[in-house]
PDB file of N, CA and C in Angstrom:
ATOM      1  N   UNK A   1      20.996  82.507 177.814  1.00  0.00           N
ATOM      2  CA  UNK A   1      21.529  83.716 177.197  1.00  0.00           C
ATOM      3  C   UNK A   1      20.984  83.811 175.776  1.00  0.00           C
ATOM      4  N   UNK A   2      20.548  84.983 175.405  1.00  0.00           N
ATOM      5  CA  UNK A   2      20.142  85.246 174.033  1.00  0.00           C
ATOM      6  C   UNK A   2      21.375  85.714 173.281  1.00  0.00           C
ATOM      7  N   UNK A   3      21.570  85.180 172.099  1.00  0.00           N
ATOM      8  CA  UNK A   3      22.735  85.577 171.312  1.00  0.00           C
ATOM      9  C   UNK A   3      22.629  87.060 170.981  1.00  0.00           C
ATOM     10  N   UNK A   4      23.719  87.753 171.129  1.00  0.00           N
ATOM     11  CA  UNK A   4      23.815  89.178 170.880  1.00  0.00           C
ATOM     12  C   UNK A   4      23.358  89.513 169.458  1.00  0.00           C
ATOM     13  N   UNK A   5      22.510  90.527 169.332  1.00  0.00           N
ATOM     14  CA  UNK A   5      22.021  90.934 168.001  1.00  0.00           C
ATOM     15  C   UNK A   5      23.156  91.324 167.065  1.00  0.00           C
ATOM     16  N   UNK A   6      24.149  91.990 167.606  1.00  0.00           N
ATOM     17  CA  UNK A   6      25.301  92.375 166.781  1.00  0.00           C
ATOM     18  C   UNK A   6      26.008  91.137 166.257  1.00  0.00           C
ATOM     19  N   UNK A   7      26.132  90.128 167.106  1.00  0.00           N
ATOM     20  CA  UNK A   7      26.788  88.887 166.690  1.00  0.00           C
ATOM     21  C   UNK A   7      25.984  88.197 165.589  1.00  0.00           C
ATOM     22  N   UNK A   8      24.672  88.153 165.740  1.00  0.00           N
ATOM     23  CA  UNK A   8      23.822  87.549 164.709  1.00  0.00           C
ATOM     24  C   UNK A   8      23.979  88.280 163.374  1.00  0.00           C
ATOM     25  N   UNK A   9      23.988  89.605 163.427  1.00  0.00           N
ATOM     26  CA  UNK A   9      24.138  90.391 162.195  1.00  0.00           C
ATOM     27  C   UNK A   9      25.488  90.120 161.538  1.00  0.00           C
ATOM     28  N   UNK A  10      26.530  89.983 162.336  1.00  0.00           N
ATOM     29  CA  UNK A  10      27.860  89.694 161.795  1.00  0.00           C
ATOM     30  C   UNK A  10      27.900  88.309 161.156  1.00  0.00           C
ATOM     31  N   UNK A  11      27.262  87.339 161.798  1.00  0.00           N
ATOM     32  CA  UNK A  11      27.201  85.990 161.213  1.00  0.00           C
ATOM     33  C   UNK A  11      26.462  86.026 159.875  1.00  0.00           C
ATOM     34  N   UNK A  12      25.390  86.815 159.808  1.00  0.00           N
ATOM     35  CA  UNK A  12      24.640  86.930 158.549  1.00  0.00           C
ATOM     36  C   UNK A  12      25.486  87.542 157.440  1.00  0.00           C
ATOM     37  N   UNK A  13      26.450  88.379 157.815  1.00  0.00           N
ATOM     38  CA  UNK A  13      27.341  88.997 156.833  1.00  0.00           C
ATOM     39  C   UNK A  13      28.490  88.059 156.452  1.00  0.00           C
ATOM     40  N   UNK A  14      28.516  86.875 157.042  1.00  0.00           N
ATOM     41  CA  UNK A  14      29.543  85.908 156.693  1.00  0.00           C
ATOM     42  C   UNK A  14      30.739  85.868 157.629  1.00  0.00           C
ATOM     43  N   UNK A  15      30.714  86.650 158.688  1.00  0.00           N
ATOM     44  CA  UNK A  15      31.818  86.617 159.647  1.00  0.00           C
ATOM     45  C   UNK A  15      31.584  85.431 160.582  1.00  0.00           C
ATOM     46  N   UNK A  16      32.439  84.442 160.488  1.00  0.00           N
ATOM     47  CA  UNK A  16      32.255  83.189 161.217  1.00  0.00           C
ATOM     48  C   UNK A  16      32.643  83.279 162.694  1.00  0.00           C
ATOM     49  N   UNK A  17      33.755  83.940 162.975  1.00  0.00           N
ATOM     50  CA  UNK A  17      34.301  83.936 164.331  1.00  0.00           C
ATOM     51  C   UNK A  17      34.235  85.335 164.940  1.00  0.00           C
ATOM     52  N   UNK A  18      33.313  85.507 165.879  1.00  0.00           N
ATOM     53  CA  UNK A  18      33.132  86.776 166.582  1.00  0.00           C
ATOM     54  C   UNK A  18      33.594  86.560 168.020  1.00  0.00           C
ATOM     55  N   UNK A  19      34.546  87.350 168.458  1.00  0.00           N
ATOM     56  CA  UNK A  19      35.072  87.210 169.815  1.00  0.00           C
ATOM     57  C   UNK A  19      34.492  88.288 170.720  1.00  0.00           C
ATOM     58  N   UNK A  20      34.114  87.878 171.903  1.00  0.00           N
ATOM     59  CA  UNK A  20      33.771  88.817 172.965  1.00  0.00           C
ATOM     60  C   UNK A  20      35.024  89.061 173.776  1.00  0.00           C
ATOM     61  N   UNK A  21      35.281  90.324 174.120  1.00  0.00           N
ATOM     62  CA  UNK A  21      36.494  90.686 174.854  1.00  0.00           C
ATOM     63  C   UNK A  21      36.108  91.622 175.986  1.00  0.00           C
ATOM     64  N   UNK A  22      36.659  91.376 177.185  1.00  0.00           N
ATOM     65  CA  UNK A  22      36.393  92.249 178.324  1.00  0.00           C
ATOM     66  C   UNK A  22      37.585  92.224 179.257  1.00  0.00           C
ATOM     67  N   UNK A  23      37.660  93.224 180.110  1.00  0.00           N
ATOM     68  CA  UNK A  23      38.766  93.316 181.054  1.00  0.00           C
ATOM     69  C   UNK A  23      38.241  93.430 182.475  1.00  0.00           C
ATOM     70  N   UNK A  24      39.115  93.132 183.417  1.00  0.00           N
ATOM     71  CA  UNK A  24      38.831  93.307 184.842  1.00  0.00           C
ATOM     72  C   UNK A  24      40.093  93.835 185.499  1.00  0.00           C
ATOM     73  N   UNK A  25      39.920  94.622 186.518  1.00  0.00           N
ATOM     74  CA  UNK A  25      41.086  95.094 187.261  1.00  0.00           C
ATOM     75  C   UNK A  25      41.386  96.561 187.095  1.00  0.00           C
ATOM     76  N   UNK A  26      40.516  97.305 186.437  1.00  0.00           N
ATOM     77  CA  UNK A  26      40.782  98.738 186.277  1.00  0.00           C
ATOM     78  C   UNK A  26      40.445  99.514 187.533  1.00  0.00           C
ATOM     79  N   UNK A  27      39.613  98.951 188.397  1.00  0.00           N
ATOM     80  CA  UNK A  27      39.192  99.655 189.596  1.00  0.00           C
ATOM     81  C   UNK A  27      40.154  99.570 190.771  1.00  0.00           C
ATOM     82  N   UNK A  28      40.804  98.427 191.001  1.00  0.00           N
ATOM     83  CA  UNK A  28      41.669  98.295 192.178  1.00  0.00           C
ATOM     84  C   UNK A  28      42.884  99.214 192.131  1.00  0.00           C
ATOM     85  N   UNK A  29      43.359  99.573 193.299  1.00  0.00           N
ATOM     86  CA  UNK A  29      44.538 100.436 193.385  1.00  0.00           C
ATOM     87  C   UNK A  29      45.821  99.675 193.081  1.00  0.00           C
ATOM     88  N   UNK A  30      45.839  98.383 193.337  1.00  0.00           N
ATOM     89  CA  UNK A  30      47.038  97.577 193.092  1.00  0.00           C
ATOM     90  C   UNK A  30      46.621  96.273 192.433  1.00  0.00           C
ATOM     91  N   UNK A  31      47.522  95.721 191.683  1.00  0.00           N
ATOM     92  CA  UNK A  31      47.234  94.439 191.037  1.00  0.00           C
ATOM     93  C   UNK A  31      47.211  94.580 189.539  1.00  0.00           C
ATOM     94  N   UNK A  32      47.254  93.453 188.859  1.00  0.00           N
ATOM     95  CA  UNK A  32      47.299  93.486 187.399  1.00  0.00           C
ATOM     96  C   UNK A  32      45.944  93.809 186.793  1.00  0.00           C
ATOM     97  N   UNK A  33      45.952  94.130 185.509  1.00  0.00           N
ATOM     98  CA  UNK A  33      44.717  94.210 184.741  1.00  0.00           C
ATOM     99  C   UNK A  33      44.685  92.949 183.884  1.00  0.00           C
ATOM    100  N   UNK A  34      43.518  92.307 183.855  1.00  0.00           N
ATOM    101  CA  UNK A  34      43.356  91.026 183.172  1.00  0.00           C
ATOM    102  C   UNK A  34      42.243  91.169 182.148  1.00  0.00           C
ATOM    103  N   UNK A  35      42.433  90.588 180.981  1.00  0.00           N
ATOM    104  CA  UNK A  35      41.399  90.593 179.950  1.00  0.00           C
ATOM    105  C   UNK A  35      41.211  89.170 179.445  1.00  0.00           C
ATOM    106  N   UNK A  36      39.992  88.902 179.005  1.00  0.00           N
ATOM    107  CA  UNK A  36      39.692  87.597 178.410  1.00  0.00           C
ATOM    108  C   UNK A  36      39.025  87.826 177.069  1.00  0.00           C
ATOM    109  N   UNK A  37      39.288  86.902 176.153  1.00  0.00           N
ATOM    110  CA  UNK A  37      38.636  86.895 174.846  1.00  0.00           C
ATOM    111  C   UNK A  37      38.045  85.506 174.655  1.00  0.00           C
ATOM    112  N   UNK A  38      36.863  85.452 174.065  1.00  0.00           N
ATOM    113  CA  UNK A  38      36.196  84.160 173.907  1.00  0.00           C
ATOM    114  C   UNK A  38      35.388  84.142 172.613  1.00  0.00           C
ATOM    115  N   UNK A  39      35.511  83.041 171.897  1.00  0.00           N
ATOM    116  CA  UNK A  39      34.685  82.802 170.713  1.00  0.00           C
ATOM    117  C   UNK A  39      33.830  81.585 171.015  1.00  0.00           C
ATOM    118  N   UNK A  40      32.526  81.799 171.106  1.00  0.00           N
ATOM    119  CA  UNK A  40      31.601  80.693 171.325  1.00  0.00           C
ATOM    120  C   UNK A  40      31.292  80.029 169.993  1.00  0.00           C
ATOM    121  N   UNK A  41      31.114  78.717 170.010  1.00  0.00           N
ATOM    122  CA  UNK A  41      30.684  78.054 168.777  1.00  0.00           C
ATOM    123  C   UNK A  41      29.334  78.626 168.332  1.00  0.00           C
ATOM    124  N   UNK A  42      29.161  78.750 167.053  1.00  0.00           N
ATOM    125  CA  UNK A  42      27.932  79.312 166.486  1.00  0.00           C
ATOM    126  C   UNK A  42      26.715  78.524 166.976  1.00  0.00           C
ATOM    127  N   UNK A  43      25.706  79.262 167.458  1.00  0.00           N
ATOM    128  CA  UNK A  43      24.458  78.646 167.886  1.00  0.00           C
ATOM    129  C   UNK A  43      24.457  78.121 169.312  1.00  0.00           C
ATOM    130  N   UNK A  44      25.568  78.243 170.031  1.00  0.00           N
ATOM    131  CA  UNK A  44      25.655  77.751 171.406  1.00  0.00           C
ATOM    132  C   UNK A  44      25.329  78.887 172.369  1.00  0.00           C
ATOM    133  N   UNK A  45      24.524  78.583 173.380  1.00  0.00           N
ATOM    134  CA  UNK A  45      24.259  79.560 174.436  1.00  0.00           C
ATOM    135  C   UNK A  45      24.339  78.854 175.778  1.00  0.00           C
ATOM    136  N   UNK A  46      24.497  79.615 176.836  1.00  0.00           N
ATOM    137  CA  UNK A  46      24.648  79.078 178.179  1.00  0.00           C
ATOM    138  C   UNK A  46      23.653  79.752 179.105  1.00  0.00           C
ATOM    139  N   UNK A  47      22.863  78.938 179.783  1.00  0.00           N
ATOM    140  CA  UNK A  47      21.864  79.443 180.725  1.00  0.00           C
ATOM    141  C   UNK A  47      22.553  80.257 181.821  1.00  0.00           C
ATOM    142  N   UNK A  48      22.117  81.505 181.996  1.00  0.00           N
ATOM    143  CA  UNK A  48      22.641  82.342 183.064  1.00  0.00           C
ATOM    144  C   UNK A  48      23.879  83.134 182.716  1.00  0.00           C
ATOM    145  N   UNK A  49      24.415  82.968 181.513  1.00  0.00           N
ATOM    146  CA  UNK A  49      25.619  83.715 181.132  1.00  0.00           C
ATOM    147  C   UNK A  49      25.259  85.186 181.042  1.00  0.00           C
ATOM    148  N   UNK A  50      25.935  85.996 181.856  1.00  0.00           N
ATOM    149  CA  UNK A  50      25.626  87.407 181.976  1.00  0.00           C
ATOM    150  C   UNK A  50      26.869  88.108 182.511  1.00  0.00           C
ATOM    151  N   UNK A  51      26.712  89.338 182.902  1.00  0.00           N
ATOM    152  CA  UNK A  51      27.797  90.100 183.511  1.00  0.00           C
ATOM    153  C   UNK A  51      28.257  89.364 184.778  1.00  0.00           C
ATOM    154  N   UNK A  52      29.546  89.061 184.867  1.00  0.00           N
ATOM    155  CA  UNK A  52      30.063  88.293 186.003  1.00  0.00           C
ATOM    156  C   UNK A  52      29.800  88.973 187.339  1.00  0.00           C
ATOM    157  N   UNK A  53      29.691  90.302 187.338  1.00  0.00           N
ATOM    158  CA  UNK A  53      29.416  91.014 188.587  1.00  0.00           C
ATOM    159  C   UNK A  53      28.003  90.739 189.093  1.00  0.00           C
ATOM    160  N   UNK A  54      27.121  90.251 188.217  1.00  0.00           N
ATOM    161  CA  UNK A  54      25.744  89.953 188.596  1.00  0.00           C
ATOM    162  C   UNK A  54      25.559  88.485 188.984  1.00  0.00           C
ATOM    163  N   UNK A  55      26.625  87.697 188.917  1.00  0.00           N
ATOM    164  CA  UNK A  55      26.546  86.271 189.219  1.00  0.00           C
ATOM    165  C   UNK A  55      27.147  85.971 190.586  1.00  0.00           C
ATOM    166  N   UNK A  56      26.660  84.925 191.218  1.00  0.00           N
ATOM    167  CA  UNK A  56      27.274  84.463 192.457  1.00  0.00           C
ATOM    168  C   UNK A  56      28.549  83.696 192.109  1.00  0.00           C
ATOM    169  N   UNK A  57      29.387  83.469 193.097  1.00  0.00           N
ATOM    170  CA  UNK A  57      30.615  82.695 192.884  1.00  0.00           C
ATOM    171  C   UNK A  57      30.272  81.290 192.384  1.00  0.00           C
ATOM    172  N   UNK A  58      29.223  80.698 192.931  1.00  0.00           N
ATOM    173  CA  UNK A  58      28.806  79.359 192.512  1.00  0.00           C
ATOM    174  C   UNK A  58      28.364  79.360 191.045  1.00  0.00           C
ATOM    175  N   UNK A  59      27.623  80.377 190.635  1.00  0.00           N
ATOM    176  CA  UNK A  59      27.181  80.484 189.234  1.00  0.00           C
ATOM    177  C   UNK A  59      28.378  80.666 188.307  1.00  0.00           C
ATOM    178  N   UNK A  60      29.338  81.514 188.714  1.00  0.00           N
ATOM    179  CA  UNK A  60      30.543  81.727 187.905  1.00  0.00           C
ATOM    180  C   UNK A  60      31.327  80.428 187.747  1.00  0.00           C
ATOM    181  N   UNK A  61      31.485  79.678 188.832  1.00  0.00           N
ATOM    182  CA  UNK A  61      32.213  78.408 188.771  1.00  0.00           C
ATOM    183  C   UNK A  61      31.516  77.421 187.836  1.00  0.00           C
ATOM    184  N   UNK A  62      30.187  77.328 187.919  1.00  0.00           N
ATOM    185  CA  UNK A  62      29.427  76.419 187.061  1.00  0.00           C
ATOM    186  C   UNK A  62      29.587  76.811 185.601  1.00  0.00           C
ATOM    187  N   UNK A  63      29.440  78.108 185.316  1.00  0.00           N
ATOM    188  CA  UNK A  63      29.563  78.575 183.928  1.00  0.00           C
ATOM    189  C   UNK A  63      30.978  78.374 183.393  1.00  0.00           C
ATOM    190  N   UNK A  64      31.987  78.605 184.229  1.00  0.00           N
ATOM    191  CA  UNK A  64      33.364  78.392 183.797  1.00  0.00           C
ATOM    192  C   UNK A  64      33.571  76.937 183.381  1.00  0.00           C
ATOM    193  N   UNK A  65      33.069  76.007 184.206  1.00  0.00           N
ATOM    194  CA  UNK A  65      33.215  74.580 183.888  1.00  0.00           C
ATOM    195  C   UNK A  65      32.478  74.244 182.586  1.00  0.00           C
ATOM    196  N   UNK A  66      31.281  74.776 182.410  1.00  0.00           N
ATOM    197  CA  UNK A  66      30.519  74.520 181.184  1.00  0.00           C
ATOM    198  C   UNK A  66      31.237  75.103 179.964  1.00  0.00           C
ATOM    199  N   UNK A  67      31.677  76.357 180.089  1.00  0.00           N
ATOM    200  CA  UNK A  67      32.339  77.020 178.966  1.00  0.00           C
ATOM    201  C   UNK A  67      33.619  76.300 178.560  1.00  0.00           C
ATOM    202  N   UNK A  68      34.479  76.053 179.520  1.00  0.00           N
ATOM    203  CA  UNK A  68      35.777  75.461 179.193  1.00  0.00           C
ATOM    204  C   UNK A  68      35.663  74.006 178.768  1.00  0.00           C
ATOM    205  N   UNK A  69      34.535  73.376 179.045  1.00  0.00           N
ATOM    206  CA  UNK A  69      34.309  72.006 178.612  1.00  0.00           C
ATOM    207  C   UNK A  69      33.588  71.895 177.281  1.00  0.00           C
ATOM    208  N   UNK A  70      33.339  73.020 176.629  1.00  0.00           N
ATOM    209  CA  UNK A  70      32.593  73.039 175.375  1.00  0.00           C
ATOM    210  C   UNK A  70      33.518  72.860 174.179  1.00  0.00           C
ATOM    211  N   UNK A  71      33.233  71.872 173.374  1.00  0.00           N
ATOM    212  CA  UNK A  71      34.000  71.627 172.149  1.00  0.00           C
ATOM    213  C   UNK A  71      33.795  72.781 171.179  1.00  0.00           C
ATOM    214  N   UNK A  72      34.872  73.246 170.591  1.00  0.00           N
ATOM    215  CA  UNK A  72      34.792  74.315 169.604  1.00  0.00           C
ATOM    216  C   UNK A  72      34.913  75.707 170.172  1.00  0.00           C
ATOM    217  N   UNK A  73      34.943  75.826 171.493  1.00  0.00           N
ATOM    218  CA  UNK A  73      35.090  77.135 172.123  1.00  0.00           C
ATOM    219  C   UNK A  73      36.569  77.511 172.157  1.00  0.00           C
ATOM    220  N   UNK A  74      36.856  78.767 171.900  1.00  0.00           N
ATOM    221  CA  UNK A  74      38.225  79.265 171.988  1.00  0.00           C
ATOM    222  C   UNK A  74      38.242  80.412 172.983  1.00  0.00           C
ATOM    223  N   UNK A  75      39.136  80.329 173.983  1.00  0.00           N
ATOM    224  CA  UNK A  75      39.260  81.446 174.918  1.00  0.00           C
ATOM    225  C   UNK A  75      40.720  81.615 175.305  1.00  0.00           C
ATOM    226  N   UNK A  76      41.054  82.829 175.699  1.00  0.00           N
ATOM    227  CA  UNK A  76      42.419  83.132 176.116  1.00  0.00           C
ATOM    228  C   UNK A  76      42.388  84.323 177.064  1.00  0.00           C
ATOM    229  N   UNK A  77      43.468  84.464 177.810  1.00  0.00           N
ATOM    230  CA  UNK A  77      43.570  85.516 178.817  1.00  0.00           C
ATOM    231  C   UNK A  77      44.855  86.304 178.583  1.00  0.00           C
ATOM    232  N   UNK A  78      44.779  87.623 178.812  1.00  0.00           N
ATOM    233  CA  UNK A  78      45.953  88.483 178.779  1.00  0.00           C
ATOM    234  C   UNK A  78      46.096  89.167 180.126  1.00  0.00           C
ATOM    235  N   UNK A  79      47.323  89.303 180.606  1.00  0.00           N
ATOM    236  CA  UNK A  79      47.576  89.924 181.914  1.00  0.00           C
ATOM    237  C   UNK A  79      48.691  90.949 181.764  1.00  0.00           C
ATOM    238  N   UNK A  80      48.439  92.146 182.303  1.00  0.00           N
ATOM    239  CA  UNK A  80      49.459  93.200 182.311  1.00  0.00           C
ATOM    240  C   UNK A  80      49.751  93.540 183.770  1.00  0.00           C
ATOM    241  N   UNK A  81      51.032  93.473 184.134  1.00  0.00           N
ATOM    242  CA  UNK A  81      51.421  93.650 185.533  1.00  0.00           C
ATOM    243  C   UNK A  81      51.431  95.119 185.961  1.00  0.00           C
ATOM    244  N   UNK A  82      51.537  95.295 187.265  1.00  0.00           N
ATOM    245  CA  UNK A  82      51.480  96.632 187.871  1.00  0.00           C
ATOM    246  C   UNK A  82      52.574  97.550 187.340  1.00  0.00           C
ATOM    247  N   UNK A  83      53.774  97.021 187.178  1.00  0.00           N
ATOM    248  CA  UNK A  83      54.886  97.853 186.699  1.00  0.00           C
ATOM    249  C   UNK A  83      54.585  98.423 185.311  1.00  0.00           C
ATOM    250  N   UNK A  84      54.011  97.605 184.450  1.00  0.00           N
ATOM    251  CA  UNK A  84      53.660  98.074 183.106  1.00  0.00           C
ATOM    252  C   UNK A  84      52.526  99.083 183.173  1.00  0.00           C
ATOM    253  N   UNK A  85      51.545  98.843 184.043  1.00  0.00           N
ATOM    254  CA  UNK A  85      50.441  99.803 184.226  1.00  0.00           C
ATOM    255  C   UNK A  85      51.016 101.162 184.603  1.00  0.00           C
ATOM    256  N   UNK A  86      51.980 101.175 185.542  1.00  0.00           N
ATOM    257  CA  UNK A  86      52.599 102.437 185.979  1.00  0.00           C
ATOM    258  C   UNK A  86      53.330 103.140 184.833  1.00  0.00           C
ATOM    259  N   UNK A  87      53.863 102.360 183.896  1.00  0.00           N
ATOM    260  CA  UNK A  87      54.604 102.939 182.779  1.00  0.00           C
ATOM    261  C   UNK A  87      53.694 103.477 181.672  1.00  0.00           C
ATOM    262  N   UNK A  88      52.599 102.754 181.377  1.00  0.00           N
ATOM    263  CA  UNK A  88      51.800 103.125 180.189  1.00  0.00           C
ATOM    264  C   UNK A  88      50.400 103.640 180.510  1.00  0.00           C
ATOM    265  N   UNK A  89      49.954 103.603 181.714  1.00  0.00           N
ATOM    266  CA  UNK A  89      48.663 104.015 182.278  1.00  0.00           C
ATOM    267  C   UNK A  89      47.640 102.889 182.179  1.00  0.00           C
ATOM    268  N   UNK A  90      46.596 102.979 182.979  1.00  0.00           N
ATOM    269  CA  UNK A  90      45.638 101.889 183.115  1.00  0.00           C
ATOM    270  C   UNK A  90      44.843 101.641 181.831  1.00  0.00           C
ATOM    271  N   UNK A  91      44.490 102.687 181.110  1.00  0.00           N
ATOM    272  CA  UNK A  91      43.737 102.483 179.867  1.00  0.00           C
ATOM    273  C   UNK A  91      44.574 101.711 178.855  1.00  0.00           C
ATOM    274  N   UNK A  92      45.818 102.143 178.651  1.00  0.00           N
ATOM    275  CA  UNK A  92      46.690 101.458 177.702  1.00  0.00           C
ATOM    276  C   UNK A  92      46.980 100.026 178.162  1.00  0.00           C
ATOM    277  N   UNK A  93      47.076  99.824 179.465  1.00  0.00           N
ATOM    278  CA  UNK A  93      47.302  98.484 179.995  1.00  0.00           C
ATOM    279  C   UNK A  93      46.093  97.581 179.735  1.00  0.00           C
ATOM    280  N   UNK A  94      44.896  98.116 179.903  1.00  0.00           N
ATOM    281  CA  UNK A  94      43.683  97.333 179.624  1.00  0.00           C
ATOM    282  C   UNK A  94      43.623  96.961 178.149  1.00  0.00           C
ATOM    283  N   UNK A  95      43.944  97.902 177.285  1.00  0.00           N
ATOM    284  CA  UNK A  95      43.958  97.624 175.845  1.00  0.00           C
ATOM    285  C   UNK A  95      45.023  96.595 175.487  1.00  0.00           C
ATOM    286  N   UNK A  96      46.180  96.677 176.137  1.00  0.00           N
ATOM    287  CA  UNK A  96      47.254  95.713 175.902  1.00  0.00           C
ATOM    288  C   UNK A  96      46.832  94.315 176.356  1.00  0.00           C
ATOM    289  N   UNK A  97      46.195  94.217 177.510  1.00  0.00           N
ATOM    290  CA  UNK A  97      45.725  92.920 177.997  1.00  0.00           C
ATOM    291  C   UNK A  97      44.700  92.328 177.029  1.00  0.00           C
ATOM    292  N   UNK A  98      43.815  93.174 176.491  1.00  0.00           N
ATOM    293  CA  UNK A  98      42.837  92.706 175.510  1.00  0.00           C
ATOM    294  C   UNK A  98      43.543  92.201 174.251  1.00  0.00           C
ATOM    295  N   UNK A  99      44.535  92.946 173.798  1.00  0.00           N
ATOM    296  CA  UNK A  99      45.298  92.548 172.602  1.00  0.00           C
ATOM    297  C   UNK A  99      45.986  91.205 172.829  1.00  0.00           C
ATOM    298  N   UNK A 100      46.595  91.026 173.990  1.00  0.00           N
ATOM    299  CA  UNK A 100      47.256  89.765 174.314  1.00  0.00           C
ATOM    300  C   UNK A 100      46.257  88.606 174.282  1.00  0.00           C
ATOM    301  N   UNK A 101      45.078  88.827 174.865  1.00  0.00           N
ATOM    302  CA  UNK A 101      44.057  87.775 174.911  1.00  0.00           C
ATOM    303  C   UNK A 101      43.604  87.401 173.502  1.00  0.00           C
ATOM    304  N   UNK A 102      43.327  88.395 172.681  1.00  0.00           N
ATOM    305  CA  UNK A 102      42.864  88.127 171.310  1.00  0.00           C
ATOM    306  C   UNK A 102      43.940  87.395 170.518  1.00  0.00           C
ATOM    307  N   UNK A 103      45.180  87.827 170.635  1.00  0.00           N
ATOM    308  CA  UNK A 103      46.270  87.184 169.895  1.00  0.00           C
ATOM    309  C   UNK A 103      46.536  85.758 170.361  1.00  0.00           C
ATOM    310  N   UNK A 104      46.137  85.425 171.594  1.00  0.00           N
ATOM    311  CA  UNK A 104      46.371  84.081 172.122  1.00  0.00           C
ATOM    312  C   UNK A 104      45.240  83.101 171.796  1.00  0.00           C
ATOM    313  N   UNK A 105      44.159  83.583 171.191  1.00  0.00           N
ATOM    314  CA  UNK A 105      43.068  82.683 170.809  1.00  0.00           C
ATOM    315  C   UNK A 105      43.561  81.651 169.815  1.00  0.00           C
ATOM    316  N   UNK A 106      43.034  80.429 169.900  1.00  0.00           N
ATOM    317  CA  UNK A 106      43.431  79.389 168.951  1.00  0.00           C
ATOM    318  C   UNK A 106      42.765  79.587 167.589  1.00  0.00           C
ATOM    319  N   UNK A 107      41.682  80.343 167.566  1.00  0.00           N
ATOM    320  CA  UNK A 107      40.981  80.714 166.328  1.00  0.00           C
ATOM    321  C   UNK A 107      40.999  82.234 166.278  1.00  0.00           C
ATOM    322  N   UNK A 108      41.493  82.789 165.188  1.00  0.00           N
ATOM    323  CA  UNK A 108      41.530  84.246 165.096  1.00  0.00           C
ATOM    324  C   UNK A 108      40.164  84.773 164.663  1.00  0.00           C
ATOM    325  N   UNK A 109      39.644  85.755 165.395  1.00  0.00           N
ATOM    326  CA  UNK A 109      38.306  86.280 165.084  1.00  0.00           C
ATOM    327  C   UNK A 109      38.300  87.183 163.869  1.00  0.00           C
ATOM    328  N   UNK A 110      37.147  87.235 163.238  1.00  0.00           N
ATOM    329  CA  UNK A 110      36.934  88.163 162.148  1.00  0.00           C
ATOM    330  C   UNK A 110      36.383  89.491 162.641  1.00  0.00           C
ATOM    331  N   UNK A 111      35.947  89.511 163.909  1.00  0.00           N
ATOM    332  CA  UNK A 111      35.361  90.723 164.488  1.00  0.00           C
ATOM    333  C   UNK A 111      35.431  90.623 166.003  1.00  0.00           C
ATOM    334  N   UNK A 112      35.595  91.752 166.675  1.00  0.00           N
ATOM    335  CA  UNK A 112      35.630  91.805 168.138  1.00  0.00           C
ATOM    336  C   UNK A 112      34.449  92.602 168.662  1.00  0.00           C
ATOM    337  N   UNK A 113      33.801  92.058 169.690  1.00  0.00           N
ATOM    338  CA  UNK A 113      32.786  92.800 170.441  1.00  0.00           C
ATOM    339  C   UNK A 113      33.409  93.083 171.795  1.00  0.00           C
ATOM    340  N   UNK A 114      33.661  94.365 172.071  1.00  0.00           N
ATOM    341  CA  UNK A 114      34.373  94.742 173.301  1.00  0.00           C
ATOM    342  C   UNK A 114      33.395  95.407 174.247  1.00  0.00           C
TER     343      UNK A 114
END
């Protein structure tokens, strides 16, 4: 993986912790919406890290093990249930799940890439 140009520019400006944030679950008719936030240690990259929809299950499992075993990495997950989605709509639920994930990080980011 090549480090994101936006992330490099932010590091050059002195922002140490840049979190990537994404959600899954907006397409299904039923089920929760889930979001993850992750701060990679500066200068670390992972071979094959890309859009999860473009990876095989085996590649995703390998990358998950590598990521979660990396010292200095911070990640967290937010989940919003179906009942809440019905109350606030799917967009607001996705944003809420992202907020939960970011707030649960062990290191608070100085910037979010969503």
